[in-house]
Protein backbone atom coordinates (compact mmCIF):
# COMPACT_ATOMS: atom_id res chain seq x y z
CA MET A 1 35.80 -10.39 -2.13
CA SER A 2 38.94 -11.80 -0.52
CA SER A 3 39.05 -15.52 0.26
CA GLY A 4 41.52 -15.33 3.13
CA ARG A 5 40.72 -14.77 6.78
CA PHE A 6 41.82 -11.79 8.86
CA ILE A 7 42.37 -12.38 12.58
CA VAL A 8 43.46 -9.70 15.02
CA PHE A 9 45.08 -10.24 18.42
CA GLU A 10 44.36 -7.53 20.95
CA GLY A 11 45.11 -6.86 24.59
CA GLY A 12 46.47 -4.35 27.05
CA GLU A 13 50.11 -4.00 27.99
CA GLY A 14 51.63 -7.27 29.18
CA SER A 15 48.69 -9.41 28.03
CA GLY A 16 50.90 -11.73 25.96
CA LYS A 17 49.11 -11.13 22.66
CA SER A 18 52.32 -11.13 20.60
CA THR A 19 53.36 -14.46 22.12
CA ALA A 20 49.91 -15.94 21.53
CA ALA A 21 49.76 -14.70 17.94
CA ALA A 22 53.15 -16.25 17.16
CA ALA A 23 52.13 -19.56 18.76
CA VAL A 24 48.89 -19.70 16.78
CA ALA A 25 50.74 -18.84 13.56
CA ALA A 26 53.19 -21.70 14.18
CA ARG A 27 50.34 -24.12 14.82
CA LEU A 28 48.54 -23.12 11.63
CA GLU A 29 51.72 -23.38 9.56
CA ALA A 30 52.41 -26.83 11.01
CA ALA A 31 48.94 -27.83 9.81
CA GLY A 32 49.84 -26.73 6.28
CA ARG A 33 48.05 -23.39 6.17
CA ARG A 34 49.56 -20.32 4.53
CA VAL A 35 49.91 -17.70 7.26
CA VAL A 36 51.04 -14.09 7.32
CA LEU A 37 51.92 -12.84 10.82
CA THR A 38 52.28 -9.08 11.10
CA ARG A 39 51.98 -6.28 13.63
CA GLU A 40 51.06 -2.68 14.01
CA PRO A 41 52.34 -0.14 14.25
CA GLY A 42 54.89 -1.72 11.94
CA GLY A 43 54.80 -4.60 9.51
CA THR A 44 56.18 -2.54 6.61
CA PRO A 45 59.34 -0.43 6.25
CA ALA A 46 57.29 2.76 6.56
CA GLY A 47 55.32 1.32 9.47
CA GLU A 48 58.50 0.51 11.38
CA VAL A 49 59.71 4.10 10.91
CA ILE A 50 56.39 5.31 12.30
CA ARG A 51 56.71 2.90 15.22
CA GLY A 52 59.91 4.72 16.11
CA LEU A 53 58.06 8.05 15.99
CA LEU A 54 55.45 6.67 18.38
CA HIS A 55 58.07 6.36 21.09
CA GLU A 56 57.77 10.14 21.33
CA ARG A 57 55.07 11.93 23.28
CA LEU A 58 52.66 13.24 20.65
CA SER A 59 49.41 15.15 20.96
CA PRO A 60 46.41 12.78 20.91
CA TRP A 61 45.40 13.65 17.32
CA ALA A 62 48.99 13.45 16.05
CA GLU A 63 49.29 10.06 17.75
CA LEU A 64 46.07 8.87 16.11
CA PHE A 65 47.16 9.88 12.61
CA ALA A 66 50.58 8.29 13.07
CA PHE A 67 48.89 4.99 13.92
CA LEU A 68 46.48 5.37 10.99
CA THR A 69 49.30 6.14 8.55
CA ALA A 70 51.06 2.94 9.57
CA ARG A 71 47.78 1.01 9.34
CA ALA A 72 46.94 2.33 5.88
CA GLU A 73 50.31 1.19 4.55
CA LEU A 74 50.05 -2.20 6.27
CA VAL A 75 46.61 -2.85 4.80
CA ALA A 76 47.66 -1.82 1.30
CA ALA A 77 51.06 -3.51 1.22
CA VAL A 78 50.58 -6.63 3.34
CA ILE A 79 47.10 -7.49 4.57
CA ARG A 80 44.92 -7.08 1.46
CA PRO A 81 47.39 -8.82 -0.90
CA ALA A 82 47.64 -11.74 1.53
CA LEU A 83 43.87 -12.03 1.87
CA GLU A 84 43.48 -11.92 -1.90
CA ARG A 85 45.92 -14.86 -2.15
CA GLY A 86 43.71 -16.77 0.28
CA ASP A 87 46.21 -16.61 3.16
CA THR A 88 45.29 -16.39 6.82
CA VAL A 89 46.48 -13.08 8.23
CA LEU A 90 47.23 -12.76 11.95
CA CYS A 91 47.81 -9.17 13.05
CA ASP A 92 49.14 -8.08 16.44
CA ARG A 93 46.84 -5.06 17.03
CA PHE A 94 44.52 -3.30 14.60
CA ALA A 95 41.56 -0.90 14.78
CA PRO A 96 40.22 -2.20 18.14
CA SER A 97 43.38 -0.75 19.73
CA THR A 98 42.50 2.65 18.31
CA PHE A 99 39.07 2.61 19.91
CA ALA A 100 40.44 1.37 23.24
CA TYR A 101 43.44 3.70 23.45
CA GLN A 102 42.68 6.81 21.41
CA VAL A 103 38.89 6.97 21.78
CA HIS A 104 38.09 5.47 25.17
CA ALA A 105 41.28 6.34 27.05
CA ARG A 106 42.39 9.52 25.24
CA GLY A 107 38.85 10.80 24.70
CA LEU A 108 38.97 11.50 20.96
CA ASP A 109 35.69 11.88 19.08
CA PRO A 110 34.53 8.38 18.08
CA VAL A 111 32.70 9.52 14.95
CA ILE A 112 35.74 11.31 13.55
CA VAL A 113 38.03 8.43 14.50
CA ARG A 114 35.72 5.85 12.92
CA THR A 115 35.59 7.85 9.68
CA ALA A 116 39.37 8.29 9.60
CA ASN A 117 39.97 4.62 10.36
CA ARG A 118 37.57 3.56 7.61
CA ALA A 119 39.47 5.75 5.15
CA ALA A 120 42.81 4.29 6.26
CA THR A 121 41.66 0.68 5.96
CA GLY A 122 39.25 0.93 3.04
CA GLY A 123 36.63 -0.47 5.38
CA LEU A 124 38.57 -3.65 6.18
CA GLU A 125 37.28 -5.40 9.31
CA PRO A 126 38.69 -8.49 11.05
CA ASP A 127 36.83 -11.77 10.83
CA LEU A 128 37.82 -12.47 14.44
CA VAL A 129 39.30 -10.47 17.32
CA VAL A 130 41.13 -12.55 19.92
CA TYR A 131 41.24 -10.34 23.01
CA LEU A 132 43.53 -11.32 25.87
CA ASP A 133 42.08 -9.74 28.98
CA ILE A 134 44.27 -8.96 31.97
CA ASP A 135 44.07 -6.72 35.01
CA PRO A 136 46.08 -3.61 34.04
CA ALA A 137 48.16 -3.67 37.22
CA ALA A 138 49.26 -7.24 36.50
CA GLY A 139 49.90 -6.46 32.84
CA LEU A 140 52.03 -3.42 33.63
CA ALA A 141 54.03 -5.45 36.14
CA ARG A 142 54.78 -7.98 33.38
CA LYS A 143 55.73 -5.18 31.00
CA ALA A 144 58.00 -3.33 33.45
CA ALA A 145 61.17 -5.07 32.26
CA GLU A 146 60.61 -4.07 28.63
CA SER A 147 61.92 -0.83 27.13
CA ALA A 148 60.52 -0.97 23.59
CA ALA A 149 56.93 0.12 24.32
CA VAL A 150 55.45 2.95 22.28
CA ALA A 151 54.38 5.94 24.34
CA THR A 152 50.84 4.68 24.93
CA GLY A 153 52.32 1.78 26.89
CA LEU A 154 54.08 4.12 29.28
CA GLU A 155 50.95 5.80 30.67
CA GLY A 156 49.78 5.32 34.25
CA LEU A 157 47.48 2.72 35.72
CA GLU A 158 44.29 4.76 35.40
CA PHE A 159 44.88 5.22 31.66
CA HIS A 160 45.28 1.47 31.21
CA ARG A 161 42.13 0.81 33.19
CA LYS A 162 40.29 2.98 30.67
CA VAL A 163 41.93 1.04 27.84
CA ARG A 164 40.63 -2.21 29.31
CA GLU A 165 37.14 -0.73 29.62
CA GLY A 166 37.35 0.29 25.97
CA TYR A 167 38.22 -3.23 24.91
CA LEU A 168 35.51 -4.83 27.03
CA LEU A 169 32.87 -2.45 25.64
CA GLN A 170 33.82 -3.47 22.10
CA ALA A 171 33.75 -7.15 23.04
CA ARG A 172 30.29 -6.72 24.52
CA ASP A 173 28.94 -4.82 21.52
CA ASP A 174 30.38 -7.22 18.93
CA ALA A 175 30.37 -10.50 20.84
CA GLY A 176 29.98 -12.65 17.73
CA ARG A 177 33.38 -11.60 16.38
CA TRP A 178 35.26 -11.35 19.67
CA ALA A 179 36.86 -14.16 21.67
CA VAL A 180 37.77 -13.01 25.19
CA ILE A 181 40.49 -15.09 26.85
CA ASP A 182 41.80 -14.78 30.40
CA ALA A 183 45.41 -13.68 29.90
CA ALA A 184 46.26 -14.50 33.52
CA LEU A 185 46.29 -18.19 32.53
CA PRO A 186 49.63 -19.83 31.67
CA ALA A 187 50.90 -18.73 28.26
CA GLU A 188 50.57 -22.25 26.84
CA ARG A 189 46.91 -22.42 27.84
CA VAL A 190 46.21 -18.96 26.43
CA ALA A 191 47.75 -20.00 23.10
CA GLU A 192 45.75 -23.24 23.12
CA LEU A 193 42.45 -21.41 23.71
CA ALA A 194 43.30 -18.85 21.03
CA ALA A 195 44.18 -21.57 18.53
CA GLU A 196 40.92 -23.41 19.25
CA ARG A 197 38.92 -20.27 18.50
CA VAL A 198 40.89 -19.50 15.33
CA LEU A 199 40.53 -23.08 14.04
CA ARG A 200 36.81 -22.93 14.65
CA LEU A 201 36.65 -19.89 12.37
CA LEU A 202 38.83 -21.46 9.69
CA GLY A 203 36.95 -24.75 9.75
C-alpha cells in the first residue's frame, strides 16, 4: 500500500485547473512537502508524443485508447513510484476526464471504458478530485486565445455542456472524494479553496 496521496485536478476547458494545480503544488512545497506535479495526456516522454497525436481528429475509440496509453505510462513511470516514496502527487486530469469526455460526451460504453481504464491504471484511484466547475460558454471564451488544446477541447458548446454534466454526475455519485469549486471566482480564490481542501486531506 502506497503512503503518498494522489490528488487529481479536473475541469472543463478554460476552468483554470492547470493554474490551480500549480498554485497548490507551490504552496505544499513551501510548507516542506515533497510534491510531484504532472499532467495527462503527457507527463512522460511517451505521453508527450501521444499528446501531439491527440491534436488530430481520431475516432472515439482510437481517442480513448490514446489517452489510456498515455495514462498507463504515466501511472507506471511517475505516479506509482512517487506514491511509493510517500510523495504527494498532483495530476492535471486523470480518469474522471475519460468518463466526462469519452463516456458522457462521446457516448462510449461505460462498462468497457471502466474495464479498460482499470487495466491501464492497475486500479489506481485518486484520494481526492478537485473539480473546477465553470459554465462551458465562459470556459470556451477563456480558452479561445489558446492554440495548444487537444482535439477534445475544440468541440462545440453542446459537447462541452455534456462534458460538464458528466463531471457533475461523478461529483454527485462520489461526493466524499470530490471537491467542487466555482471556477468563475478569481484565480487566487480558486487556488486558496483548492489548497484548503487538499490540506484537509493531507492533515
